[in-house]
Amino acid sequence: MRILVIEDEKKIASFIKRGLKEEGYVVDTASDGEEGHFVATTHEFDLIILDLMLPKLDGITLCKKLRDENIKTPVIMLTAKSGTQDKIKGLDIGADDYVTKPFDFQELLARTRTHLRKRESSSTQLQVADLTVNLLTHKVERAGLEIILTSKEFILLQYLIRNRDTVVTRTMISEHAWDINFDISSNVIDVYINYLRHKIDEQHPKKLIKTIRGRGYLLEG
């Protein structure tokens, strides 16, 4: 899952990014409204966390602009303004939720999970064949045996499962499992696919992860 944090206060942006990455999310940041608009419209995200008070283009204007451009990515508005009218205005122009500063990160995380589940599915568990993935606990099992994955391996596996029986290219994988600074010409994606194969498939007769030569990868269930 890939999240964009648009926040001009560097300490807050860094705090949110670090916390979300520790939970297994891919996180990009933008420090003003114009940069946020550019990043949000040139890359695909599963969620946007948007500060209200931004330089160059404020959060309300940016959110409305994104909605007018038919970008339907869920938006959690993050602001120091706690007045009811401010909340109503944000929700009316297309924000999906509203969190007031100072905030408890666990609350922000819970709201993040809620909106991501609404976007993808009401289920908290994914399954392909005898492989199960719990989205809340990050517990992965195959044939009842637990598999320990790193955060990046979990992100990659989750993306493959959500696109089961569909060939995904390296470009598609980089867009969802790595941030905008990722060098797609490197062999990092191939390395992580091999890590997953070793953990997911090696001990089982049925191989779920397949390489489609010249195109990309396929998780087949």
N, C-alpha and C. Protein backbone atom coordinates (compact mmCIF):
# COMPACT_ATOMS: atom_id res chain seq x y z
N MET A 1 0.84 -1.19 0.00
CA MET A 1 0.00 0.00 0.00
C MET A 1 0.89 1.26 0.00
N ARG A 2 0.54 2.22 -0.83
CA ARG A 2 1.38 3.41 -0.99
C ARG A 2 0.61 4.65 -0.53
N ILE A 3 1.26 5.43 0.32
CA ILE A 3 0.62 6.60 0.94
C ILE A 3 1.42 7.85 0.64
N LEU A 4 0.73 8.94 0.35
CA LEU A 4 1.36 10.24 0.15
C LEU A 4 1.04 11.13 1.34
N VAL A 5 2.07 11.67 1.98
CA VAL A 5 1.91 12.60 3.10
C VAL A 5 2.29 13.99 2.61
N ILE A 6 1.33 14.91 2.61
CA ILE A 6 1.60 16.29 2.18
C ILE A 6 1.55 17.16 3.43
N GLU A 7 2.72 17.53 3.91
CA GLU A 7 2.86 18.23 5.19
C GLU A 7 4.11 19.10 5.15
N ASP A 8 3.96 20.39 5.49
CA ASP A 8 5.10 21.31 5.39
C ASP A 8 5.99 21.32 6.64
N GLU A 9 5.48 20.83 7.76
CA GLU A 9 6.31 20.76 8.97
C GLU A 9 7.15 19.48 8.90
N LYS A 10 8.45 19.67 8.73
CA LYS A 10 9.35 18.54 8.45
C LYS A 10 9.33 17.49 9.56
N LYS A 11 9.29 17.92 10.83
CA LYS A 11 9.31 16.97 11.93
C LYS A 11 8.05 16.11 11.93
N ILE A 12 6.91 16.73 11.66
CA ILE A 12 5.66 15.97 11.63
C ILE A 12 5.65 15.01 10.45
N ALA A 13 6.08 15.51 9.28
CA ALA A 13 6.12 14.66 8.09
C ALA A 13 7.03 13.46 8.30
N SER A 14 8.20 13.72 8.92
CA SER A 14 9.16 12.64 9.18
C SER A 14 8.60 11.63 10.18
N PHE A 15 7.92 12.15 11.21
CA PHE A 15 7.31 11.29 12.23
C PHE A 15 6.25 10.38 11.61
N ILE A 16 5.37 10.94 10.79
CA ILE A 16 4.31 10.15 10.16
C ILE A 16 4.92 9.13 9.20
N LYS A 17 5.89 9.57 8.39
CA LYS A 17 6.51 8.67 7.42
C LYS A 17 7.17 7.49 8.11
N ARG A 18 7.93 7.77 9.18
CA ARG A 18 8.62 6.71 9.89
C ARG A 18 7.63 5.71 10.48
N GLY A 19 6.57 6.25 11.11
CA GLY A 19 5.58 5.38 11.74
C GLY A 19 4.86 4.50 10.73
N LEU A 20 4.50 5.07 9.59
CA LEU A 20 3.79 4.29 8.56
C LEU A 20 4.70 3.25 7.92
N LYS A 21 5.97 3.62 7.70
CA LYS A 21 6.91 2.66 7.12
C LYS A 21 7.13 1.48 8.07
N GLU A 22 7.15 1.75 9.38
CA GLU A 22 7.30 0.67 10.35
C GLU A 22 6.11 -0.29 10.31
N GLU A 23 4.97 0.20 9.84
CA GLU A 23 3.77 -0.64 9.71
C GLU A 23 3.70 -1.34 8.36
N GLY A 24 4.72 -1.13 7.53
CA GLY A 24 4.77 -1.84 6.25
C GLY A 24 4.23 -1.09 5.06
N TYR A 25 3.98 0.22 5.19
CA TYR A 25 3.48 1.00 4.07
C TYR A 25 4.63 1.66 3.31
N VAL A 26 4.43 1.91 2.02
CA VAL A 26 5.36 2.70 1.23
C VAL A 26 4.89 4.14 1.32
N VAL A 27 5.80 5.06 1.67
CA VAL A 27 5.40 6.44 1.95
C VAL A 27 6.24 7.43 1.14
N ASP A 28 5.56 8.34 0.44
CA ASP A 28 6.19 9.49 -0.21
C ASP A 28 5.72 10.75 0.50
N THR A 29 6.52 11.81 0.43
CA THR A 29 6.15 13.06 1.08
C THR A 29 6.26 14.23 0.11
N ALA A 30 5.48 15.26 0.39
CA ALA A 30 5.57 16.53 -0.33
C ALA A 30 5.43 17.64 0.71
N SER A 31 6.16 18.75 0.52
CA SER A 31 6.23 19.78 1.56
C SER A 31 5.41 21.04 1.27
N ASP A 32 4.75 21.10 0.13
CA ASP A 32 3.84 22.22 -0.14
C ASP A 32 2.74 21.74 -1.08
N GLY A 33 1.72 22.59 -1.25
CA GLY A 33 0.56 22.18 -2.03
C GLY A 33 0.83 21.93 -3.49
N GLU A 34 1.70 22.73 -4.08
CA GLU A 34 2.00 22.56 -5.50
C GLU A 34 2.75 21.26 -5.75
N GLU A 35 3.74 20.99 -4.89
CA GLU A 35 4.47 19.73 -5.02
C GLU A 35 3.54 18.55 -4.76
N GLY A 36 2.66 18.71 -3.76
CA GLY A 36 1.71 17.65 -3.45
C GLY A 36 0.80 17.36 -4.63
N HIS A 37 0.35 18.40 -5.31
CA HIS A 37 -0.52 18.22 -6.47
C HIS A 37 0.23 17.49 -7.58
N PHE A 38 1.47 17.88 -7.82
CA PHE A 38 2.26 17.23 -8.87
C PHE A 38 2.46 15.75 -8.57
N VAL A 39 2.87 15.43 -7.33
CA VAL A 39 3.14 14.03 -6.98
C VAL A 39 1.84 13.22 -7.02
N ALA A 40 0.76 13.78 -6.50
CA ALA A 40 -0.52 13.06 -6.44
C ALA A 40 -1.10 12.77 -7.82
N THR A 41 -0.77 13.62 -8.79
CA THR A 41 -1.33 13.44 -10.13
C THR A 41 -0.41 12.71 -11.09
N THR A 42 0.83 12.44 -10.67
CA THR A 42 1.77 11.73 -11.54
C THR A 42 2.09 10.33 -11.05
N HIS A 43 1.60 9.98 -9.85
CA HIS A 43 1.82 8.65 -9.29
C HIS A 43 0.51 8.16 -8.68
N GLU A 44 0.39 6.84 -8.56
CA GLU A 44 -0.83 6.26 -7.99
C GLU A 44 -0.63 5.97 -6.51
N PHE A 45 -1.58 6.44 -5.69
CA PHE A 45 -1.52 6.23 -4.25
C PHE A 45 -2.81 5.57 -3.77
N ASP A 46 -2.70 4.90 -2.63
CA ASP A 46 -3.88 4.28 -2.02
C ASP A 46 -4.53 5.20 -0.99
N LEU A 47 -3.75 6.19 -0.50
CA LEU A 47 -4.26 7.13 0.51
C LEU A 47 -3.41 8.38 0.50
N ILE A 48 -4.04 9.52 0.77
CA ILE A 48 -3.32 10.78 0.91
C ILE A 48 -3.61 11.35 2.29
N ILE A 49 -2.55 11.69 3.04
CA ILE A 49 -2.69 12.40 4.31
C ILE A 49 -2.29 13.85 4.02
N LEU A 50 -3.23 14.75 4.17
CA LEU A 50 -3.08 16.11 3.67
C LEU A 50 -3.24 17.16 4.77
N ASP A 51 -2.20 17.96 4.97
CA ASP A 51 -2.27 19.06 5.93
C ASP A 51 -3.13 20.18 5.36
N LEU A 52 -3.86 20.85 6.23
CA LEU A 52 -4.73 21.94 5.78
C LEU A 52 -3.95 23.20 5.44
N MET A 53 -3.02 23.57 6.32
CA MET A 53 -2.27 24.82 6.16
C MET A 53 -0.95 24.54 5.45
N LEU A 54 -0.95 24.72 4.13
CA LEU A 54 0.23 24.46 3.31
C LEU A 54 0.65 25.71 2.55
N PRO A 55 1.95 25.89 2.32
CA PRO A 55 2.38 26.99 1.46
C PRO A 55 2.06 26.70 -0.01
N LYS A 56 1.95 27.76 -0.80
CA LYS A 56 1.73 27.73 -2.25
C LYS A 56 0.32 27.31 -2.64
N LEU A 57 -0.21 26.27 -2.01
CA LEU A 57 -1.57 25.83 -2.30
C LEU A 57 -2.10 25.15 -1.05
N ASP A 58 -3.13 25.74 -0.43
CA ASP A 58 -3.61 25.20 0.85
C ASP A 58 -4.33 23.87 0.64
N GLY A 59 -4.51 23.13 1.75
CA GLY A 59 -5.08 21.80 1.68
C GLY A 59 -6.49 21.74 1.14
N ILE A 60 -7.32 22.70 1.51
CA ILE A 60 -8.71 22.73 1.02
C ILE A 60 -8.72 22.88 -0.49
N THR A 61 -7.94 23.85 -0.99
CA THR A 61 -7.87 24.09 -2.43
C THR A 61 -7.31 22.89 -3.16
N LEU A 62 -6.27 22.28 -2.58
CA LEU A 62 -5.64 21.12 -3.21
C LEU A 62 -6.61 19.94 -3.27
N CYS A 63 -7.30 19.69 -2.18
CA CYS A 63 -8.25 18.57 -2.15
C CYS A 63 -9.34 18.76 -3.19
N LYS A 64 -9.88 19.98 -3.26
CA LYS A 64 -10.92 20.27 -4.25
C LYS A 64 -10.38 20.10 -5.67
N LYS A 65 -9.15 20.54 -5.89
CA LYS A 65 -8.53 20.44 -7.21
C LYS A 65 -8.38 18.97 -7.61
N LEU A 66 -7.96 18.13 -6.67
CA LEU A 66 -7.80 16.71 -6.96
C LEU A 66 -9.15 16.06 -7.29
N ARG A 67 -10.17 16.42 -6.53
CA ARG A 67 -11.50 15.86 -6.79
C ARG A 67 -12.04 16.34 -8.14
N ASP A 68 -11.79 17.61 -8.46
CA ASP A 68 -12.23 18.14 -9.76
C ASP A 68 -11.52 17.44 -10.91
N GLU A 69 -10.32 16.94 -10.65
CA GLU A 69 -9.55 16.22 -11.67
C GLU A 69 -9.83 14.71 -11.63
N ASN A 70 -10.88 14.35 -10.90
CA ASN A 70 -11.37 12.97 -10.82
C ASN A 70 -10.38 12.02 -10.16
N ILE A 71 -9.55 12.53 -9.26
CA ILE A 71 -8.68 11.68 -8.45
C ILE A 71 -9.46 11.32 -7.18
N LYS A 72 -9.80 10.05 -7.04
CA LYS A 72 -10.70 9.61 -5.98
C LYS A 72 -9.97 8.97 -4.80
N THR A 73 -8.66 9.11 -4.75
CA THR A 73 -7.88 8.55 -3.65
C THR A 73 -8.40 9.07 -2.31
N PRO A 74 -8.63 8.22 -1.32
CA PRO A 74 -9.08 8.69 0.00
C PRO A 74 -8.13 9.73 0.58
N VAL A 75 -8.69 10.77 1.19
CA VAL A 75 -7.90 11.85 1.78
C VAL A 75 -8.24 12.00 3.26
N ILE A 76 -7.21 11.90 4.10
CA ILE A 76 -7.37 12.23 5.52
C ILE A 76 -6.78 13.62 5.72
N MET A 77 -7.62 14.58 6.11
CA MET A 77 -7.17 15.95 6.34
C MET A 77 -6.55 16.05 7.73
N LEU A 78 -5.37 16.64 7.79
CA LEU A 78 -4.61 16.76 9.03
C LEU A 78 -4.38 18.24 9.30
N THR A 79 -4.87 18.74 10.44
CA THR A 79 -4.77 20.18 10.67
C THR A 79 -4.83 20.56 12.14
N ALA A 80 -4.31 21.75 12.43
CA ALA A 80 -4.38 22.28 13.78
C ALA A 80 -5.72 22.94 14.04
N LYS A 81 -6.51 23.17 12.99
CA LYS A 81 -7.82 23.80 13.15
C LYS A 81 -8.84 22.77 13.61
N SER A 82 -9.47 23.04 14.73
CA SER A 82 -10.41 22.06 15.29
C SER A 82 -11.87 22.51 15.19
N GLY A 83 -12.11 23.70 14.60
CA GLY A 83 -13.47 24.20 14.52
C GLY A 83 -14.36 23.34 13.64
N THR A 84 -15.62 23.23 14.03
CA THR A 84 -16.57 22.40 13.29
C THR A 84 -16.70 22.85 11.84
N GLN A 85 -16.72 24.16 11.62
CA GLN A 85 -16.89 24.68 10.26
C GLN A 85 -15.74 24.28 9.36
N ASP A 86 -14.52 24.27 9.93
CA ASP A 86 -13.36 23.84 9.14
C ASP A 86 -13.49 22.38 8.74
N LYS A 87 -13.95 21.55 9.68
CA LYS A 87 -14.14 20.14 9.38
C LYS A 87 -15.20 19.95 8.31
N ILE A 88 -16.30 20.65 8.44
CA ILE A 88 -17.39 20.53 7.47
C ILE A 88 -16.92 20.96 6.09
N LYS A 89 -16.17 22.05 6.03
CA LYS A 89 -15.67 22.54 4.74
C LYS A 89 -14.77 21.51 4.09
N GLY A 90 -13.86 20.91 4.89
CA GLY A 90 -12.96 19.90 4.35
C GLY A 90 -13.70 18.69 3.83
N LEU A 91 -14.69 18.22 4.58
CA LEU A 91 -15.46 17.05 4.17
C LEU A 91 -16.33 17.36 2.96
N ASP A 92 -16.86 18.58 2.91
CA ASP A 92 -17.73 18.96 1.80
C ASP A 92 -17.00 19.01 0.46
N ILE A 93 -15.71 19.35 0.48
CA ILE A 93 -15.00 19.45 -0.79
C ILE A 93 -14.33 18.14 -1.19
N GLY A 94 -14.53 17.08 -0.38
CA GLY A 94 -14.08 15.78 -0.84
C GLY A 94 -13.15 15.01 0.07
N ALA A 95 -12.76 15.59 1.22
CA ALA A 95 -11.93 14.83 2.16
C ALA A 95 -12.77 13.70 2.76
N ASP A 96 -12.12 12.60 3.09
CA ASP A 96 -12.83 11.45 3.63
C ASP A 96 -12.81 11.39 5.16
N ASP A 97 -11.84 12.09 5.76
CA ASP A 97 -11.70 12.05 7.21
C ASP A 97 -10.93 13.29 7.66
N TYR A 98 -10.90 13.48 8.98
CA TYR A 98 -10.33 14.70 9.54
C TYR A 98 -9.67 14.35 10.87
N VAL A 99 -8.37 14.63 11.01
CA VAL A 99 -7.64 14.39 12.25
C VAL A 99 -7.02 15.71 12.71
N THR A 100 -7.24 16.06 13.96
CA THR A 100 -6.78 17.34 14.48
C THR A 100 -5.45 17.21 15.21
N LYS A 101 -4.54 18.12 14.92
CA LYS A 101 -3.26 18.20 15.64
C LYS A 101 -3.49 18.85 17.00
N PRO A 102 -2.74 18.45 18.04
CA PRO A 102 -1.83 17.31 18.07
C PRO A 102 -2.62 16.01 18.06
N PHE A 103 -2.08 15.00 17.43
CA PHE A 103 -2.82 13.75 17.27
C PHE A 103 -2.03 12.59 17.84
N ASP A 104 -2.75 11.54 18.17
CA ASP A 104 -2.13 10.29 18.61
C ASP A 104 -1.88 9.45 17.35
N PHE A 105 -0.64 9.01 17.17
CA PHE A 105 -0.32 8.29 15.94
C PHE A 105 -1.16 7.03 15.78
N GLN A 106 -1.47 6.36 16.89
CA GLN A 106 -2.27 5.14 16.81
C GLN A 106 -3.66 5.43 16.25
N GLU A 107 -4.19 6.61 16.56
CA GLU A 107 -5.49 6.99 15.99
C GLU A 107 -5.36 7.22 14.49
N LEU A 108 -4.31 7.94 14.09
CA LEU A 108 -4.08 8.18 12.67
C LEU A 108 -3.89 6.85 11.94
N LEU A 109 -3.16 5.93 12.56
CA LEU A 109 -2.93 4.62 11.96
C LEU A 109 -4.23 3.84 11.81
N ALA A 110 -5.07 3.90 12.84
CA ALA A 110 -6.35 3.19 12.78
C ALA A 110 -7.24 3.75 11.67
N ARG A 111 -7.24 5.06 11.54
CA ARG A 111 -8.04 5.68 10.47
C ARG A 111 -7.46 5.33 9.10
N THR A 112 -6.14 5.28 9.02
CA THR A 112 -5.48 4.89 7.77
C THR A 112 -5.90 3.49 7.37
N ARG A 113 -5.85 2.55 8.32
CA ARG A 113 -6.25 1.17 8.02
C ARG A 113 -7.72 1.09 7.59
N THR A 114 -8.56 1.87 8.26
CA THR A 114 -9.99 1.85 7.94
C THR A 114 -10.23 2.26 6.50
N HIS A 115 -9.60 3.35 6.07
CA HIS A 115 -9.83 3.85 4.71
C HIS A 115 -9.19 2.95 3.66
N LEU A 116 -8.07 2.35 3.99
CA LEU A 116 -7.45 1.42 3.04
C LEU A 116 -8.30 0.17 2.88
N ARG A 117 -8.90 -0.31 3.99
CA ARG A 117 -9.79 -1.47 3.89
C ARG A 117 -11.03 -1.14 3.05
N LYS A 118 -11.57 0.04 3.23
CA LYS A 118 -12.74 0.45 2.45
C LYS A 118 -12.39 0.51 0.96
N ARG A 119 -11.18 0.97 0.68
CA ARG A 119 -10.76 1.12 -0.72
C ARG A 119 -10.55 -0.22 -1.39
N GLU A 120 -9.97 -1.16 -0.66
CA GLU A 120 -9.62 -2.45 -1.26
C GLU A 120 -10.68 -3.52 -1.03
N SER A 121 -11.08 -3.67 0.21
CA SER A 121 -11.99 -4.76 0.54
C SER A 121 -12.39 -4.63 1.99
N SER A 122 -13.53 -5.17 2.35
CA SER A 122 -13.95 -5.14 3.74
C SER A 122 -13.23 -6.21 4.56
N SER A 123 -12.58 -7.15 3.88
CA SER A 123 -11.91 -8.24 4.57
C SER A 123 -10.55 -7.80 5.10
N THR A 124 -10.15 -8.38 6.21
CA THR A 124 -8.83 -8.11 6.77
C THR A 124 -7.87 -9.25 6.45
N GLN A 125 -8.32 -10.21 5.63
CA GLN A 125 -7.47 -11.35 5.29
C GLN A 125 -7.53 -11.64 3.80
N LEU A 126 -6.36 -11.89 3.22
CA LEU A 126 -6.26 -12.27 1.81
C LEU A 126 -5.86 -13.74 1.75
N GLN A 127 -6.35 -14.45 0.73
CA GLN A 127 -6.02 -15.86 0.60
C GLN A 127 -5.90 -16.25 -0.86
N VAL A 128 -4.85 -17.02 -1.16
CA VAL A 128 -4.65 -17.64 -2.46
C VAL A 128 -4.21 -19.06 -2.20
N ALA A 129 -4.98 -20.02 -2.72
CA ALA A 129 -4.68 -21.44 -2.46
C ALA A 129 -4.57 -21.65 -0.95
N ASP A 130 -3.45 -22.21 -0.48
CA ASP A 130 -3.28 -22.44 0.96
C ASP A 130 -2.44 -21.36 1.63
N LEU A 131 -2.29 -20.22 0.95
CA LEU A 131 -1.54 -19.08 1.48
C LEU A 131 -2.51 -18.04 2.02
N THR A 132 -2.34 -17.64 3.28
CA THR A 132 -3.19 -16.62 3.88
C THR A 132 -2.35 -15.47 4.42
N VAL A 133 -2.89 -14.26 4.29
CA VAL A 133 -2.20 -13.05 4.74
C VAL A 133 -3.18 -12.22 5.56
N ASN A 134 -2.86 -11.98 6.82
CA ASN A 134 -3.69 -11.14 7.69
C ASN A 134 -3.18 -9.70 7.57
N LEU A 135 -4.03 -8.80 7.11
CA LEU A 135 -3.63 -7.42 6.87
C LEU A 135 -3.45 -6.61 8.15
N LEU A 136 -4.06 -7.05 9.23
CA LEU A 136 -3.95 -6.32 10.48
C LEU A 136 -2.72 -6.75 11.28
N THR A 137 -2.51 -8.05 11.39
CA THR A 137 -1.40 -8.56 12.19
C THR A 137 -0.14 -8.81 11.37
N HIS A 138 -0.29 -8.76 10.02
CA HIS A 138 0.81 -9.07 9.10
C HIS A 138 1.29 -10.52 9.23
N LYS A 139 0.43 -11.37 9.77
CA LYS A 139 0.78 -12.79 9.89
C LYS A 139 0.54 -13.48 8.55
N VAL A 140 1.55 -14.21 8.09
CA VAL A 140 1.47 -14.92 6.82
C VAL A 140 1.64 -16.41 7.09
N GLU A 141 0.75 -17.23 6.52
CA GLU A 141 0.83 -18.67 6.70
C GLU A 141 0.63 -19.37 5.36
N ARG A 142 1.31 -20.47 5.21
CA ARG A 142 1.02 -21.36 4.07
C ARG A 142 0.89 -22.78 4.58
N ALA A 143 -0.23 -23.39 4.25
CA ALA A 143 -0.55 -24.74 4.72
C ALA A 143 -0.45 -24.82 6.24
N GLY A 144 -0.86 -23.73 6.92
CA GLY A 144 -0.87 -23.70 8.37
C GLY A 144 0.46 -23.39 9.02
N LEU A 145 1.51 -23.22 8.23
CA LEU A 145 2.84 -22.92 8.77
C LEU A 145 3.13 -21.43 8.61
N GLU A 146 3.55 -20.80 9.71
CA GLU A 146 3.81 -19.36 9.67
C GLU A 146 5.08 -19.04 8.88
N ILE A 147 5.01 -17.97 8.09
CA ILE A 147 6.14 -17.50 7.29
C ILE A 147 6.50 -16.10 7.76
N ILE A 148 7.75 -15.89 8.12
CA ILE A 148 8.20 -14.58 8.60
C ILE A 148 8.72 -13.77 7.42
N LEU A 149 8.11 -12.62 7.18
CA LEU A 149 8.51 -11.74 6.09
C LEU A 149 9.00 -10.40 6.63
N THR A 150 9.89 -9.76 5.89
CA THR A 150 10.27 -8.39 6.19
C THR A 150 9.13 -7.47 5.74
N SER A 151 9.18 -6.20 6.14
CA SER A 151 8.14 -5.24 5.74
C SER A 151 8.05 -5.13 4.22
N LYS A 152 9.18 -5.06 3.54
CA LYS A 152 9.17 -4.93 2.08
C LYS A 152 8.64 -6.20 1.42
N GLU A 153 9.01 -7.36 1.94
CA GLU A 153 8.49 -8.61 1.39
C GLU A 153 6.98 -8.69 1.57
N PHE A 154 6.49 -8.21 2.71
CA PHE A 154 5.05 -8.23 2.97
C PHE A 154 4.32 -7.31 1.99
N ILE A 155 4.85 -6.13 1.76
CA ILE A 155 4.25 -5.19 0.80
C ILE A 155 4.18 -5.81 -0.59
N LEU A 156 5.28 -6.42 -1.00
CA LEU A 156 5.34 -7.03 -2.33
C LEU A 156 4.37 -8.20 -2.45
N LEU A 157 4.32 -9.05 -1.43
CA LEU A 157 3.39 -10.18 -1.47
C LEU A 157 1.94 -9.70 -1.50
N GLN A 158 1.64 -8.71 -0.70
CA GLN A 158 0.28 -8.16 -0.67
C GLN A 158 -0.12 -7.65 -2.05
N TYR A 159 0.80 -6.97 -2.72
CA TYR A 159 0.50 -6.44 -4.06
C TYR A 159 0.27 -7.57 -5.06
N LEU A 160 1.11 -8.59 -4.99
CA LEU A 160 0.94 -9.73 -5.90
C LEU A 160 -0.39 -10.43 -5.67
N ILE A 161 -0.77 -10.59 -4.40
CA ILE A 161 -2.05 -11.27 -4.11
C ILE A 161 -3.23 -10.44 -4.59
N ARG A 162 -3.17 -9.14 -4.38
CA ARG A 162 -4.27 -8.27 -4.81
C ARG A 162 -4.41 -8.28 -6.34
N ASN A 163 -3.34 -8.66 -7.03
CA ASN A 163 -3.38 -8.73 -8.50
C ASN A 163 -3.21 -10.17 -8.97
N ARG A 164 -3.72 -11.11 -8.17
CA ARG A 164 -3.59 -12.54 -8.49
C ARG A 164 -4.10 -12.83 -9.90
N ASP A 165 -3.42 -13.78 -10.54
CA ASP A 165 -3.78 -14.22 -11.89
C ASP A 165 -3.64 -13.11 -12.94
N THR A 166 -2.89 -12.07 -12.59
CA THR A 166 -2.63 -10.96 -13.51
C THR A 166 -1.12 -10.72 -13.57
N VAL A 167 -0.58 -10.57 -14.77
CA VAL A 167 0.84 -10.27 -14.90
C VAL A 167 1.10 -8.84 -14.46
N VAL A 168 2.04 -8.66 -13.54
CA VAL A 168 2.42 -7.32 -13.10
C VAL A 168 3.85 -7.06 -13.55
N THR A 169 4.09 -5.91 -14.14
CA THR A 169 5.41 -5.56 -14.65
C THR A 169 6.28 -5.00 -13.53
N ARG A 170 7.56 -4.86 -13.79
CA ARG A 170 8.45 -4.27 -12.81
C ARG A 170 8.06 -2.82 -12.53
N THR A 171 7.61 -2.12 -13.57
CA THR A 171 7.17 -0.73 -13.38
C THR A 171 5.98 -0.67 -12.43
N MET A 172 5.01 -1.55 -12.63
CA MET A 172 3.83 -1.59 -11.76
C MET A 172 4.23 -1.89 -10.32
N ILE A 173 5.14 -2.85 -10.16
CA ILE A 173 5.59 -3.21 -8.81
C ILE A 173 6.30 -2.04 -8.15
N SER A 174 7.18 -1.35 -8.89
CA SER A 174 7.93 -0.23 -8.31
C SER A 174 6.99 0.90 -7.89
N GLU A 175 5.90 1.08 -8.64
CA GLU A 175 4.94 2.14 -8.33
C GLU A 175 4.22 1.87 -7.01
N HIS A 176 4.06 0.61 -6.66
CA HIS A 176 3.27 0.27 -5.47
C HIS A 176 4.09 -0.17 -4.28
N ALA A 177 5.29 -0.67 -4.52
CA ALA A 177 6.07 -1.22 -3.42
C ALA A 177 7.32 -0.41 -3.08
N TRP A 178 7.64 0.58 -3.90
CA TRP A 178 8.80 1.43 -3.63
C TRP A 178 8.39 2.89 -3.80
N ASP A 179 9.18 3.82 -3.25
CA ASP A 179 8.83 5.23 -3.37
C ASP A 179 9.35 5.82 -4.68
N ILE A 180 9.13 7.13 -4.88
CA ILE A 180 9.43 7.76 -6.16
C ILE A 180 10.92 7.85 -6.45
N ASN A 181 11.76 7.61 -5.45
CA ASN A 181 13.20 7.67 -5.66
C ASN A 181 13.79 6.34 -6.11
N PHE A 182 12.96 5.32 -6.28
CA PHE A 182 13.45 4.00 -6.63
C PHE A 182 14.00 3.95 -8.05
N ASP A 183 15.14 3.30 -8.21
CA ASP A 183 15.78 3.14 -9.52
C ASP A 183 15.29 1.84 -10.15
N ILE A 184 14.37 1.96 -11.11
CA ILE A 184 13.75 0.77 -11.69
C ILE A 184 14.73 -0.05 -12.53
N SER A 185 15.87 0.56 -12.90
CA SER A 185 16.85 -0.17 -13.70
C SER A 185 17.68 -1.15 -12.86
N SER A 186 17.55 -1.06 -11.54
CA SER A 186 18.30 -1.98 -10.67
C SER A 186 17.62 -3.35 -10.65
N ASN A 187 18.29 -4.32 -10.04
CA ASN A 187 17.72 -5.68 -9.97
C ASN A 187 17.06 -5.95 -8.62
N VAL A 188 16.75 -4.90 -7.88
CA VAL A 188 16.19 -5.05 -6.53
C VAL A 188 14.87 -5.82 -6.55
N ILE A 189 14.01 -5.52 -7.51
CA ILE A 189 12.72 -6.21 -7.57
C ILE A 189 12.92 -7.71 -7.78
N ASP A 190 13.81 -8.07 -8.67
CA ASP A 190 14.10 -9.49 -8.92
C ASP A 190 14.62 -10.17 -7.65
N VAL A 191 15.46 -9.45 -6.92
CA VAL A 191 16.02 -9.99 -5.67
C VAL A 191 14.90 -10.28 -4.68
N TYR A 192 13.97 -9.34 -4.52
CA TYR A 192 12.88 -9.53 -3.55
C TYR A 192 11.89 -10.61 -4.01
N ILE A 193 11.68 -10.71 -5.30
CA ILE A 193 10.85 -11.81 -5.81
C ILE A 193 11.47 -13.15 -5.44
N ASN A 194 12.79 -13.24 -5.57
CA ASN A 194 13.49 -14.48 -5.20
C ASN A 194 13.39 -14.75 -3.70
N TYR A 195 13.47 -13.68 -2.88
CA TYR A 195 13.28 -13.86 -1.44
C TYR A 195 11.91 -14.47 -1.16
N LEU A 196 10.88 -13.93 -1.82
CA LEU A 196 9.52 -14.43 -1.61
C LEU A 196 9.39 -15.88 -2.08
N ARG A 197 9.95 -16.17 -3.23
CA ARG A 197 9.89 -17.54 -3.75
C ARG A 197 10.49 -18.52 -2.74
N HIS A 198 11.62 -18.13 -2.17
CA HIS A 198 12.29 -19.00 -1.21
C HIS A 198 11.39 -19.27 0.00
N LYS A 199 10.71 -18.23 0.47
CA LYS A 199 9.89 -18.36 1.68
C LYS A 199 8.51 -18.93 1.41
N ILE A 200 7.93 -18.58 0.27
CA ILE A 200 6.54 -18.96 -0.03
C ILE A 200 6.45 -20.31 -0.74
N ASP A 201 7.36 -20.55 -1.70
CA ASP A 201 7.19 -21.69 -2.61
C ASP A 201 8.15 -22.86 -2.39
N GLU A 202 9.32 -22.57 -1.86
CA GLU A 202 10.39 -23.58 -1.88
C GLU A 202 10.00 -24.90 -1.23
N GLN A 203 9.24 -24.86 -0.14
CA GLN A 203 8.91 -26.07 0.61
C GLN A 203 7.59 -26.71 0.17
N HIS A 204 7.02 -26.21 -0.95
CA HIS A 204 5.70 -26.69 -1.37
C HIS A 204 5.72 -27.14 -2.83
N PRO A 205 5.02 -28.23 -3.14
CA PRO A 205 5.02 -28.72 -4.53
C PRO A 205 4.36 -27.75 -5.50
N LYS A 206 3.30 -27.05 -5.06
CA LYS A 206 2.64 -26.10 -5.93
C LYS A 206 3.31 -24.73 -5.81
N LYS A 207 3.83 -24.23 -6.93
CA LYS A 207 4.52 -22.93 -6.93
C LYS A 207 3.52 -21.83 -7.32
N LEU A 208 3.41 -20.83 -6.46
CA LEU A 208 2.45 -19.76 -6.69
C LEU A 208 3.01 -18.60 -7.50
N ILE A 209 4.29 -18.30 -7.32
CA ILE A 209 4.90 -17.13 -7.96
C ILE A 209 5.62 -17.56 -9.23
N LYS A 210 5.21 -17.00 -10.36
CA LYS A 210 5.78 -17.37 -11.65
C LYS A 210 6.38 -16.16 -12.35
N THR A 211 7.44 -16.40 -13.11
CA THR A 211 8.05 -15.36 -13.94
C THR A 211 7.50 -15.49 -15.36
N ILE A 212 6.99 -14.40 -15.89
CA ILE A 212 6.51 -14.36 -17.27
C ILE A 212 7.59 -13.65 -18.08
N ARG A 213 8.37 -14.39 -18.81
CA ARG A 213 9.56 -13.85 -19.46
C ARG A 213 9.22 -12.66 -20.36
N GLY A 214 9.98 -11.60 -20.17
CA GLY A 214 9.81 -10.40 -20.97
C GLY A 214 8.67 -9.51 -20.55
N ARG A 215 7.89 -9.94 -19.52
CA ARG A 215 6.73 -9.15 -19.10
C ARG A 215 6.76 -8.79 -17.62
N GLY A 216 6.94 -9.80 -16.75
CA GLY A 216 6.94 -9.50 -15.32
C GLY A 216 6.68 -10.75 -14.50
N TYR A 217 5.78 -10.61 -13.52
CA TYR A 217 5.54 -11.72 -12.58
C TYR A 217 4.04 -11.96 -12.42
N LEU A 218 3.74 -13.17 -12.00
CA LEU A 218 2.35 -13.57 -11.84
C LEU A 218 2.22 -14.44 -10.59
N LEU A 219 1.28 -14.09 -9.72
CA LEU A 219 0.95 -14.97 -8.60
C LEU A 219 -0.33 -15.69 -9.00
N GLU A 220 -0.21 -16.99 -9.14
CA GLU A 220 -1.29 -17.79 -9.69
C GLU A 220 -1.91 -18.66 -8.62
N GLY A 221 -3.23 -18.52 -8.43
CA GLY A 221 -3.90 -19.29 -7.42
C GLY A 221 -4.87 -20.29 -7.99
